Amino acid sequence: MAQNQSNAPSTIAAEIEILSAGQFWRATPWDYNSLIGLKFHAQGNGEMTYGYGQTIYAGIQFQFTIPSPGRLRLMYTDSPRYEAFEGYVRTLETSPREFEFSLTRQEFSGVEANAGPFTYLWKLVFSDSPFPRDNYVPYPDLQLPPPLTYYGHKTTLSSFTKLWRFVRRLGQ
């Protein structure tokens, strides 16, 4: 996953900044029912979520480092129980994990049912699933592994946000 594209960051600091400023990196923004994604914080920690419908099946906290450009190390941390998710306890066999990733500045637009149009400015692609191997398919009935591609830096507002701002202006 070499980053030879001119629109890809070239330094560790740039990669950390893009990852942490990306809000929630969403795997399936076109699917209103899906909540599969990652959140990176500049302090070196974050959360990964795997949800579908109205249920969260995995909510795993992690710490991360970028040892070299295009290489991510995730250290999963014990994560509390939440909804259908029974919690996560880190083991030496599953944490840390290290794999390649690429960040590409590439606009991606579409329409999410019930929410309207969206546009993301960055694409994040992993060489392997960022989810822990022992929780590889958090919802076994779906029989789908977590995706490898995620989208971040959303620029469009949801229909709800637009409506809320409109209502607020009416009240002024």
N, C-alpha and C. Protein backbone atom coordinates (compact mmCIF):
# COMPACT_ATOMS: atom_id res chain seq x y z
N MET A 1 0.82 -1.18 0.00
CA MET A 1 0.00 0.00 0.00
C MET A 1 0.87 1.25 0.00
N ALA A 2 1.87 1.27 -0.80
CA ALA A 2 2.77 2.42 -0.85
C ALA A 2 2.00 3.68 -1.23
N GLN A 3 2.39 4.76 -0.60
CA GLN A 3 1.70 6.03 -0.85
C GLN A 3 2.50 6.85 -1.87
N ASN A 4 2.35 6.51 -3.12
CA ASN A 4 3.09 7.21 -4.16
C ASN A 4 2.23 8.27 -4.85
N GLN A 5 1.04 8.50 -4.36
CA GLN A 5 0.15 9.47 -4.98
C GLN A 5 0.51 10.87 -4.47
N SER A 6 0.40 11.88 -5.32
CA SER A 6 0.74 13.24 -4.91
C SER A 6 -0.28 13.82 -3.95
N ASN A 7 -1.46 13.23 -3.86
CA ASN A 7 -2.49 13.73 -2.95
C ASN A 7 -2.53 12.94 -1.65
N ALA A 8 -1.45 12.23 -1.33
CA ALA A 8 -1.35 11.47 -0.08
C ALA A 8 -0.36 12.17 0.84
N PRO A 9 -0.59 12.16 2.14
CA PRO A 9 0.35 12.78 3.08
C PRO A 9 1.66 12.00 3.09
N SER A 10 2.76 12.70 3.40
CA SER A 10 4.06 12.04 3.34
C SER A 10 4.77 11.96 4.68
N THR A 11 4.20 12.53 5.72
CA THR A 11 4.86 12.48 7.01
C THR A 11 3.93 11.89 8.07
N ILE A 12 4.53 11.39 9.13
CA ILE A 12 3.76 10.84 10.23
C ILE A 12 2.86 11.91 10.84
N ALA A 13 3.41 13.11 11.04
CA ALA A 13 2.61 14.20 11.63
C ALA A 13 1.40 14.53 10.77
N ALA A 14 1.58 14.55 9.46
CA ALA A 14 0.45 14.84 8.56
C ALA A 14 -0.59 13.73 8.63
N GLU A 15 -0.15 12.48 8.71
CA GLU A 15 -1.10 11.38 8.80
C GLU A 15 -1.90 11.44 10.10
N ILE A 16 -1.24 11.72 11.22
CA ILE A 16 -1.94 11.84 12.50
C ILE A 16 -2.95 12.98 12.45
N GLU A 17 -2.55 14.09 11.88
CA GLU A 17 -3.46 15.24 11.78
C GLU A 17 -4.69 14.90 10.94
N ILE A 18 -4.50 14.26 9.80
CA ILE A 18 -5.62 13.90 8.93
C ILE A 18 -6.53 12.88 9.60
N LEU A 19 -5.94 11.85 10.23
CA LEU A 19 -6.75 10.84 10.91
C LEU A 19 -7.57 11.45 12.04
N SER A 20 -6.95 12.30 12.86
CA SER A 20 -7.65 12.82 14.04
C SER A 20 -8.62 13.95 13.69
N ALA A 21 -8.41 14.63 12.59
CA ALA A 21 -9.33 15.69 12.18
C ALA A 21 -10.48 15.16 11.32
N GLY A 22 -10.46 13.88 11.02
CA GLY A 22 -11.45 13.29 10.12
C GLY A 22 -12.79 13.00 10.74
N GLN A 23 -13.01 13.46 11.99
CA GLN A 23 -14.25 13.18 12.70
C GLN A 23 -14.41 11.67 12.81
N PHE A 24 -15.48 11.12 12.29
CA PHE A 24 -15.74 9.68 12.34
C PHE A 24 -15.49 9.11 10.95
N TRP A 25 -14.53 8.21 10.83
CA TRP A 25 -14.24 7.58 9.54
C TRP A 25 -15.26 6.47 9.33
N ARG A 26 -16.12 6.66 8.36
CA ARG A 26 -17.26 5.77 8.17
C ARG A 26 -17.03 4.83 7.00
N ALA A 27 -17.34 3.54 7.21
CA ALA A 27 -17.11 2.54 6.17
C ALA A 27 -18.21 2.50 5.12
N THR A 28 -19.44 2.73 5.53
CA THR A 28 -20.57 2.59 4.60
C THR A 28 -21.50 3.80 4.73
N PRO A 29 -21.05 4.97 4.30
CA PRO A 29 -21.87 6.17 4.50
C PRO A 29 -23.18 6.17 3.72
N TRP A 30 -23.31 5.34 2.73
CA TRP A 30 -24.53 5.26 1.93
C TRP A 30 -25.61 4.42 2.61
N ASP A 31 -25.24 3.69 3.66
CA ASP A 31 -26.18 2.78 4.33
C ASP A 31 -26.63 3.40 5.65
N TYR A 32 -27.83 3.91 5.68
CA TYR A 32 -28.38 4.58 6.87
C TYR A 32 -28.35 3.68 8.10
N ASN A 33 -28.53 2.39 7.92
CA ASN A 33 -28.59 1.45 9.04
C ASN A 33 -27.23 1.03 9.58
N SER A 34 -26.18 1.32 8.84
CA SER A 34 -24.85 0.86 9.19
C SER A 34 -24.08 1.91 9.97
N LEU A 35 -23.41 1.49 11.03
CA LEU A 35 -22.54 2.37 11.79
C LEU A 35 -21.23 1.62 12.03
N ILE A 36 -20.43 1.54 10.98
CA ILE A 36 -19.13 0.89 11.05
C ILE A 36 -18.09 1.97 10.82
N GLY A 37 -17.25 2.20 11.80
CA GLY A 37 -16.27 3.25 11.62
C GLY A 37 -15.27 3.37 12.75
N LEU A 38 -14.39 4.35 12.58
CA LEU A 38 -13.31 4.60 13.53
C LEU A 38 -13.21 6.08 13.85
N LYS A 39 -12.80 6.37 15.06
CA LYS A 39 -12.55 7.75 15.49
C LYS A 39 -11.16 7.79 16.08
N PHE A 40 -10.30 8.64 15.53
CA PHE A 40 -8.94 8.82 16.02
C PHE A 40 -8.84 10.17 16.73
N HIS A 41 -8.16 10.20 17.87
CA HIS A 41 -7.93 11.45 18.59
C HIS A 41 -6.45 11.79 18.50
N ALA A 42 -6.13 13.09 18.46
CA ALA A 42 -4.75 13.55 18.33
C ALA A 42 -3.87 13.05 19.46
N GLN A 43 -4.46 12.73 20.62
CA GLN A 43 -3.70 12.26 21.78
C GLN A 43 -3.22 10.82 21.61
N GLY A 44 -3.62 10.16 20.52
CA GLY A 44 -3.15 8.80 20.26
C GLY A 44 -4.10 7.71 20.73
N ASN A 45 -5.36 8.06 20.96
CA ASN A 45 -6.35 7.04 21.32
C ASN A 45 -7.55 7.17 20.38
N GLY A 46 -8.49 6.23 20.49
CA GLY A 46 -9.66 6.29 19.64
C GLY A 46 -10.63 5.18 19.96
N GLU A 47 -11.67 5.07 19.12
CA GLU A 47 -12.70 4.07 19.27
C GLU A 47 -13.07 3.53 17.90
N MET A 48 -13.44 2.25 17.87
CA MET A 48 -13.98 1.66 16.65
C MET A 48 -15.36 1.12 16.98
N THR A 49 -16.27 1.31 16.05
CA THR A 49 -17.67 0.93 16.27
C THR A 49 -18.14 0.05 15.13
N TYR A 50 -18.89 -0.98 15.50
CA TYR A 50 -19.53 -1.84 14.51
C TYR A 50 -20.98 -1.97 14.93
N GLY A 51 -21.85 -1.28 14.21
CA GLY A 51 -23.27 -1.32 14.53
C GLY A 51 -24.10 -1.47 13.28
N TYR A 52 -25.29 -2.01 13.47
CA TYR A 52 -26.22 -2.12 12.36
C TYR A 52 -27.63 -2.07 12.91
N GLY A 53 -28.50 -1.41 12.17
CA GLY A 53 -29.86 -1.22 12.66
C GLY A 53 -29.80 -0.30 13.86
N GLN A 54 -30.39 -0.69 14.93
CA GLN A 54 -30.36 0.14 16.14
C GLN A 54 -29.54 -0.51 17.24
N THR A 55 -28.55 -1.31 16.84
CA THR A 55 -27.75 -2.04 17.82
C THR A 55 -26.26 -1.85 17.56
N ILE A 56 -25.52 -1.61 18.63
CA ILE A 56 -24.06 -1.56 18.58
C ILE A 56 -23.55 -2.95 18.94
N TYR A 57 -22.82 -3.57 18.03
CA TYR A 57 -22.31 -4.92 18.26
C TYR A 57 -20.86 -4.92 18.73
N ALA A 58 -20.13 -3.84 18.51
CA ALA A 58 -18.76 -3.72 19.01
C ALA A 58 -18.45 -2.25 19.20
N GLY A 59 -17.87 -1.91 20.33
CA GLY A 59 -17.41 -0.57 20.62
C GLY A 59 -16.07 -0.70 21.33
N ILE A 60 -15.00 -0.78 20.55
CA ILE A 60 -13.69 -1.12 21.09
C ILE A 60 -12.80 0.11 21.12
N GLN A 61 -12.22 0.37 22.27
CA GLN A 61 -11.30 1.49 22.44
C GLN A 61 -9.89 1.02 22.10
N PHE A 62 -9.07 1.97 21.63
CA PHE A 62 -7.70 1.62 21.26
C PHE A 62 -6.77 2.81 21.46
N GLN A 63 -5.49 2.50 21.48
CA GLN A 63 -4.43 3.50 21.39
C GLN A 63 -3.73 3.23 20.07
N PHE A 64 -3.15 4.28 19.47
CA PHE A 64 -2.50 4.06 18.19
C PHE A 64 -1.21 4.85 18.09
N THR A 65 -0.31 4.33 17.28
CA THR A 65 0.90 5.04 16.88
C THR A 65 1.11 4.79 15.40
N ILE A 66 1.89 5.65 14.80
CA ILE A 66 2.29 5.47 13.41
C ILE A 66 3.82 5.37 13.43
N PRO A 67 4.36 4.14 13.43
CA PRO A 67 5.81 3.98 13.53
C PRO A 67 6.57 4.48 12.31
N SER A 68 5.92 4.45 11.16
CA SER A 68 6.51 4.98 9.92
C SER A 68 5.35 5.36 9.00
N PRO A 69 5.57 6.25 8.05
CA PRO A 69 4.47 6.65 7.17
C PRO A 69 3.80 5.43 6.52
N GLY A 70 2.46 5.42 6.59
CA GLY A 70 1.71 4.34 5.97
C GLY A 70 1.65 3.06 6.79
N ARG A 71 2.07 3.12 8.04
CA ARG A 71 2.05 1.94 8.92
C ARG A 71 1.39 2.31 10.24
N LEU A 72 0.36 1.57 10.64
CA LEU A 72 -0.42 1.88 11.84
C LEU A 72 -0.28 0.74 12.85
N ARG A 73 -0.05 1.11 14.11
CA ARG A 73 -0.02 0.13 15.19
C ARG A 73 -1.20 0.44 16.11
N LEU A 74 -2.07 -0.56 16.29
CA LEU A 74 -3.23 -0.43 17.18
C LEU A 74 -3.01 -1.30 18.41
N MET A 75 -3.23 -0.72 19.57
CA MET A 75 -3.21 -1.43 20.84
C MET A 75 -4.62 -1.33 21.40
N TYR A 76 -5.36 -2.42 21.33
CA TYR A 76 -6.73 -2.43 21.83
C TYR A 76 -6.70 -2.36 23.35
N THR A 77 -7.66 -1.65 23.92
CA THR A 77 -7.74 -1.55 25.38
C THR A 77 -9.05 -2.16 25.86
N ASP A 78 -9.07 -2.54 27.11
CA ASP A 78 -10.31 -3.09 27.66
C ASP A 78 -11.43 -2.09 27.44
N SER A 79 -12.56 -2.57 26.96
CA SER A 79 -13.68 -1.71 26.61
C SER A 79 -14.93 -2.21 27.31
N PRO A 80 -15.72 -1.28 27.86
CA PRO A 80 -16.89 -1.70 28.65
C PRO A 80 -18.03 -2.24 27.79
N ARG A 81 -18.91 -2.98 28.44
CA ARG A 81 -20.11 -3.51 27.83
C ARG A 81 -21.00 -2.33 27.39
N TYR A 82 -21.67 -2.49 26.22
CA TYR A 82 -22.58 -1.47 25.72
C TYR A 82 -23.59 -2.13 24.80
N GLU A 83 -24.86 -1.98 25.09
CA GLU A 83 -25.95 -2.60 24.32
C GLU A 83 -25.68 -4.09 24.11
N ALA A 84 -25.68 -4.57 22.87
CA ALA A 84 -25.46 -5.99 22.58
C ALA A 84 -23.99 -6.38 22.70
N PHE A 85 -23.12 -5.40 22.77
CA PHE A 85 -21.68 -5.65 22.88
C PHE A 85 -21.35 -6.05 24.31
N GLU A 86 -20.75 -7.21 24.47
CA GLU A 86 -20.46 -7.73 25.81
C GLU A 86 -19.19 -7.17 26.42
N GLY A 87 -18.55 -6.25 25.73
CA GLY A 87 -17.30 -5.69 26.23
C GLY A 87 -16.12 -6.38 25.56
N TYR A 88 -14.95 -5.83 25.78
CA TYR A 88 -13.76 -6.39 25.17
C TYR A 88 -12.64 -6.38 26.19
N VAL A 89 -11.93 -7.51 26.28
CA VAL A 89 -10.77 -7.62 27.15
C VAL A 89 -9.57 -7.94 26.27
N ARG A 90 -8.59 -7.06 26.32
CA ARG A 90 -7.39 -7.21 25.50
C ARG A 90 -6.62 -8.46 25.90
N THR A 91 -6.07 -9.15 24.89
CA THR A 91 -5.20 -10.29 25.14
C THR A 91 -3.87 -10.05 24.43
N LEU A 92 -2.85 -10.73 24.86
CA LEU A 92 -1.54 -10.57 24.22
C LEU A 92 -1.55 -11.09 22.79
N GLU A 93 -2.46 -12.02 22.49
CA GLU A 93 -2.53 -12.57 21.13
C GLU A 93 -3.15 -11.59 20.14
N THR A 94 -3.97 -10.67 20.64
CA THR A 94 -4.69 -9.78 19.72
C THR A 94 -4.17 -8.35 19.73
N SER A 95 -3.34 -7.98 20.66
CA SER A 95 -2.91 -6.59 20.75
C SER A 95 -1.46 -6.55 21.20
N PRO A 96 -0.60 -5.78 20.56
CA PRO A 96 -0.92 -4.85 19.47
C PRO A 96 -0.95 -5.54 18.11
N ARG A 97 -1.54 -4.83 17.16
CA ARG A 97 -1.54 -5.25 15.75
C ARG A 97 -0.95 -4.13 14.93
N GLU A 98 -0.24 -4.49 13.89
CA GLU A 98 0.37 -3.49 13.03
C GLU A 98 0.12 -3.87 11.58
N PHE A 99 -0.27 -2.87 10.78
CA PHE A 99 -0.56 -3.13 9.37
C PHE A 99 -0.42 -1.84 8.58
N GLU A 100 -0.43 -1.98 7.27
CA GLU A 100 -0.30 -0.83 6.38
C GLU A 100 -1.65 -0.15 6.18
N PHE A 101 -1.57 1.14 5.87
CA PHE A 101 -2.76 1.90 5.52
C PHE A 101 -2.37 2.98 4.52
N SER A 102 -3.35 3.49 3.83
CA SER A 102 -3.11 4.62 2.93
C SER A 102 -4.20 5.66 3.12
N LEU A 103 -3.82 6.90 3.04
CA LEU A 103 -4.74 8.04 3.08
C LEU A 103 -4.65 8.74 1.74
N THR A 104 -5.79 8.97 1.13
CA THR A 104 -5.82 9.64 -0.17
C THR A 104 -6.85 10.75 -0.13
N ARG A 105 -6.43 11.95 -0.52
CA ARG A 105 -7.41 13.04 -0.65
C ARG A 105 -8.18 12.79 -1.93
N GLN A 106 -9.41 12.33 -1.75
CA GLN A 106 -10.25 11.94 -2.88
C GLN A 106 -11.71 12.16 -2.49
N GLU A 107 -12.36 13.07 -3.17
CA GLU A 107 -13.76 13.37 -2.86
C GLU A 107 -14.65 12.17 -3.18
N PHE A 108 -15.52 11.85 -2.24
CA PHE A 108 -16.45 10.74 -2.39
C PHE A 108 -17.82 11.24 -1.99
N SER A 109 -18.79 11.20 -2.92
CA SER A 109 -20.13 11.72 -2.67
C SER A 109 -21.17 10.64 -2.95
N GLY A 110 -22.32 10.81 -2.31
CA GLY A 110 -23.42 9.90 -2.52
C GLY A 110 -24.64 10.39 -1.77
N VAL A 111 -25.62 9.52 -1.64
CA VAL A 111 -26.85 9.86 -0.94
C VAL A 111 -27.14 8.75 0.07
N GLU A 112 -27.40 9.16 1.31
CA GLU A 112 -27.78 8.22 2.35
C GLU A 112 -29.28 8.31 2.54
N ALA A 113 -29.96 7.17 2.46
CA ALA A 113 -31.40 7.15 2.66
C ALA A 113 -31.74 7.76 4.01
N ASN A 114 -32.77 8.55 4.08
CA ASN A 114 -33.26 9.22 5.29
C ASN A 114 -32.37 10.33 5.79
N ALA A 115 -31.21 10.54 5.20
CA ALA A 115 -30.30 11.58 5.67
C ALA A 115 -29.87 12.54 4.57
N GLY A 116 -29.95 12.13 3.32
CA GLY A 116 -29.62 13.02 2.21
C GLY A 116 -28.20 12.87 1.70
N PRO A 117 -27.76 13.84 0.91
CA PRO A 117 -26.45 13.75 0.26
C PRO A 117 -25.30 13.90 1.26
N PHE A 118 -24.17 13.32 0.89
CA PHE A 118 -22.96 13.45 1.69
C PHE A 118 -21.76 13.60 0.77
N THR A 119 -20.71 14.21 1.29
CA THR A 119 -19.43 14.30 0.61
C THR A 119 -18.32 14.16 1.64
N TYR A 120 -17.40 13.28 1.37
CA TYR A 120 -16.20 13.10 2.21
C TYR A 120 -15.00 13.50 1.38
N LEU A 121 -13.97 14.03 2.03
CA LEU A 121 -12.80 14.51 1.31
C LEU A 121 -11.62 13.55 1.33
N TRP A 122 -11.60 12.59 2.26
CA TRP A 122 -10.46 11.67 2.38
C TRP A 122 -10.93 10.22 2.39
N LYS A 123 -10.09 9.35 1.85
CA LYS A 123 -10.33 7.91 1.86
C LYS A 123 -9.18 7.25 2.63
N LEU A 124 -9.54 6.35 3.54
CA LEU A 124 -8.59 5.60 4.36
C LEU A 124 -8.76 4.12 4.03
N VAL A 125 -7.68 3.47 3.59
CA VAL A 125 -7.74 2.06 3.22
C VAL A 125 -6.70 1.29 4.04
N PHE A 126 -7.15 0.20 4.67
CA PHE A 126 -6.27 -0.66 5.46
C PHE A 126 -5.90 -1.91 4.68
N SER A 127 -4.72 -2.47 4.96
CA SER A 127 -4.32 -3.73 4.33
C SER A 127 -5.01 -4.92 4.99
N ASP A 128 -5.55 -4.72 6.20
CA ASP A 128 -6.27 -5.75 6.94
C ASP A 128 -7.30 -5.04 7.81
N SER A 129 -8.28 -5.77 8.28
CA SER A 129 -9.32 -5.16 9.12
C SER A 129 -8.70 -4.56 10.38
N PRO A 130 -9.10 -3.35 10.74
CA PRO A 130 -8.59 -2.75 11.98
C PRO A 130 -9.21 -3.36 13.24
N PHE A 131 -10.28 -4.12 13.10
CA PHE A 131 -10.94 -4.73 14.26
C PHE A 131 -10.09 -5.88 14.79
N PRO A 132 -10.14 -6.14 16.10
CA PRO A 132 -9.36 -7.24 16.67
C PRO A 132 -9.74 -8.57 16.02
N ARG A 133 -8.77 -9.43 15.86
CA ARG A 133 -9.02 -10.73 15.21
C ARG A 133 -10.01 -11.58 15.98
N ASP A 134 -9.98 -11.51 17.29
CA ASP A 134 -10.91 -12.34 18.06
C ASP A 134 -12.32 -11.77 18.08
N ASN A 135 -12.50 -10.62 17.49
CA ASN A 135 -13.82 -10.01 17.37
C ASN A 135 -14.03 -9.62 15.90
N TYR A 136 -13.47 -10.44 15.01
CA TYR A 136 -13.40 -10.09 13.59
C TYR A 136 -14.77 -9.85 12.99
N VAL A 137 -15.75 -10.65 13.33
CA VAL A 137 -17.11 -10.44 12.84
C VAL A 137 -17.99 -10.21 14.06
N PRO A 138 -18.11 -8.94 14.48
CA PRO A 138 -18.86 -8.66 15.70
C PRO A 138 -20.31 -9.11 15.64
N TYR A 139 -20.89 -9.20 14.47
CA TYR A 139 -22.28 -9.63 14.35
C TYR A 139 -22.30 -10.82 13.40
N PRO A 140 -22.13 -12.05 13.91
CA PRO A 140 -21.95 -13.22 13.05
C PRO A 140 -23.09 -13.47 12.07
N ASP A 141 -24.31 -13.06 12.37
CA ASP A 141 -25.42 -13.30 11.46
C ASP A 141 -25.24 -12.58 10.13
N LEU A 142 -24.51 -11.47 10.13
CA LEU A 142 -24.29 -10.74 8.87
C LEU A 142 -23.29 -11.47 7.98
N GLN A 143 -22.38 -12.24 8.59
CA GLN A 143 -21.36 -12.99 7.86
C GLN A 143 -20.51 -12.09 6.96
N LEU A 144 -20.28 -10.86 7.39
CA LEU A 144 -19.45 -9.93 6.63
C LEU A 144 -18.32 -9.43 7.52
N PRO A 145 -17.09 -9.53 7.06
CA PRO A 145 -16.00 -8.96 7.86
C PRO A 145 -16.06 -7.43 7.78
N PRO A 146 -15.51 -6.75 8.78
CA PRO A 146 -15.48 -5.29 8.70
C PRO A 146 -14.74 -4.83 7.44
N PRO A 147 -15.23 -3.79 6.80
CA PRO A 147 -14.61 -3.30 5.56
C PRO A 147 -13.19 -2.80 5.76
N LEU A 148 -12.47 -2.67 4.67
CA LEU A 148 -11.10 -2.16 4.69
C LEU A 148 -11.04 -0.68 4.31
N THR A 149 -12.10 -0.14 3.69
CA THR A 149 -12.12 1.25 3.22
C THR A 149 -13.07 2.08 4.06
N TYR A 150 -12.59 3.27 4.46
CA TYR A 150 -13.35 4.19 5.31
C TYR A 150 -13.23 5.59 4.72
N TYR A 151 -14.23 6.43 4.99
CA TYR A 151 -14.27 7.79 4.45
C TYR A 151 -14.33 8.79 5.61
N GLY A 152 -13.53 9.84 5.50
CA GLY A 152 -13.48 10.84 6.57
C GLY A 152 -13.50 12.26 6.04
N HIS A 153 -13.61 13.21 6.95
CA HIS A 153 -13.69 14.64 6.66
C HIS A 153 -14.97 14.95 5.89
N LYS A 154 -16.10 14.65 6.51
CA LYS A 154 -17.40 14.90 5.89
C LYS A 154 -17.61 16.40 5.77
N THR A 155 -18.06 16.84 4.60
CA THR A 155 -18.26 18.27 4.36
C THR A 155 -19.72 18.66 4.24
N THR A 156 -20.59 17.70 4.02
CA THR A 156 -22.01 18.04 3.87
C THR A 156 -22.75 17.82 5.18
N LEU A 157 -23.74 18.62 5.38
CA LEU A 157 -24.54 18.54 6.60
C LEU A 157 -25.69 17.56 6.40
N SER A 158 -26.05 16.89 7.46
CA SER A 158 -27.19 15.99 7.38
C SER A 158 -28.48 16.80 7.25
N SER A 159 -29.54 16.17 6.79
CA SER A 159 -30.83 16.83 6.68
C SER A 159 -31.30 17.35 8.03
N PHE A 160 -31.06 16.56 9.09
CA PHE A 160 -31.46 16.98 10.43
C PHE A 160 -30.74 18.26 10.84
N THR A 161 -29.43 18.33 10.59
CA THR A 161 -28.65 19.52 10.95
C THR A 161 -29.15 20.74 10.17
N LYS A 162 -29.43 20.57 8.88
CA LYS A 162 -29.95 21.67 8.08
C LYS A 162 -31.29 22.15 8.62
N LEU A 163 -32.17 21.20 8.95
CA LEU A 163 -33.48 21.55 9.48
C LEU A 163 -33.33 22.27 10.82
N TRP A 164 -32.48 21.77 11.70
CA TRP A 164 -32.26 22.39 13.01
C TRP A 164 -31.77 23.83 12.85
N ARG A 165 -30.83 24.07 11.95
CA ARG A 165 -30.32 25.43 11.73
C ARG A 165 -31.42 26.34 11.18
N PHE A 166 -32.24 25.80 10.29
CA PHE A 166 -33.34 26.57 9.74
C PHE A 166 -34.33 26.97 10.85
N VAL A 167 -34.69 26.02 11.70
CA VAL A 167 -35.63 26.29 12.79
C VAL A 167 -35.03 27.32 13.76
N ARG A 168 -33.76 27.21 14.03
CA ARG A 168 -33.10 28.19 14.93
C ARG A 168 -33.15 29.60 14.34
N ARG A 169 -32.96 29.70 13.01
CA ARG A 169 -33.01 31.04 12.36
C ARG A 169 -34.42 31.60 12.45
N LEU A 170 -35.43 30.74 12.32
CA LEU A 170 -36.82 31.22 12.42
C LEU A 170 -37.10 31.80 13.80
N GLY A 171 -36.48 31.21 14.82
CA GLY A 171 -36.72 31.65 16.19
C GLY A 171 -35.99 32.93 16.56
N GLN A 172 -35.11 33.43 15.72
CA GLN A 172 -34.33 34.62 16.06
C GLN A 172 -35.05 35.89 15.67
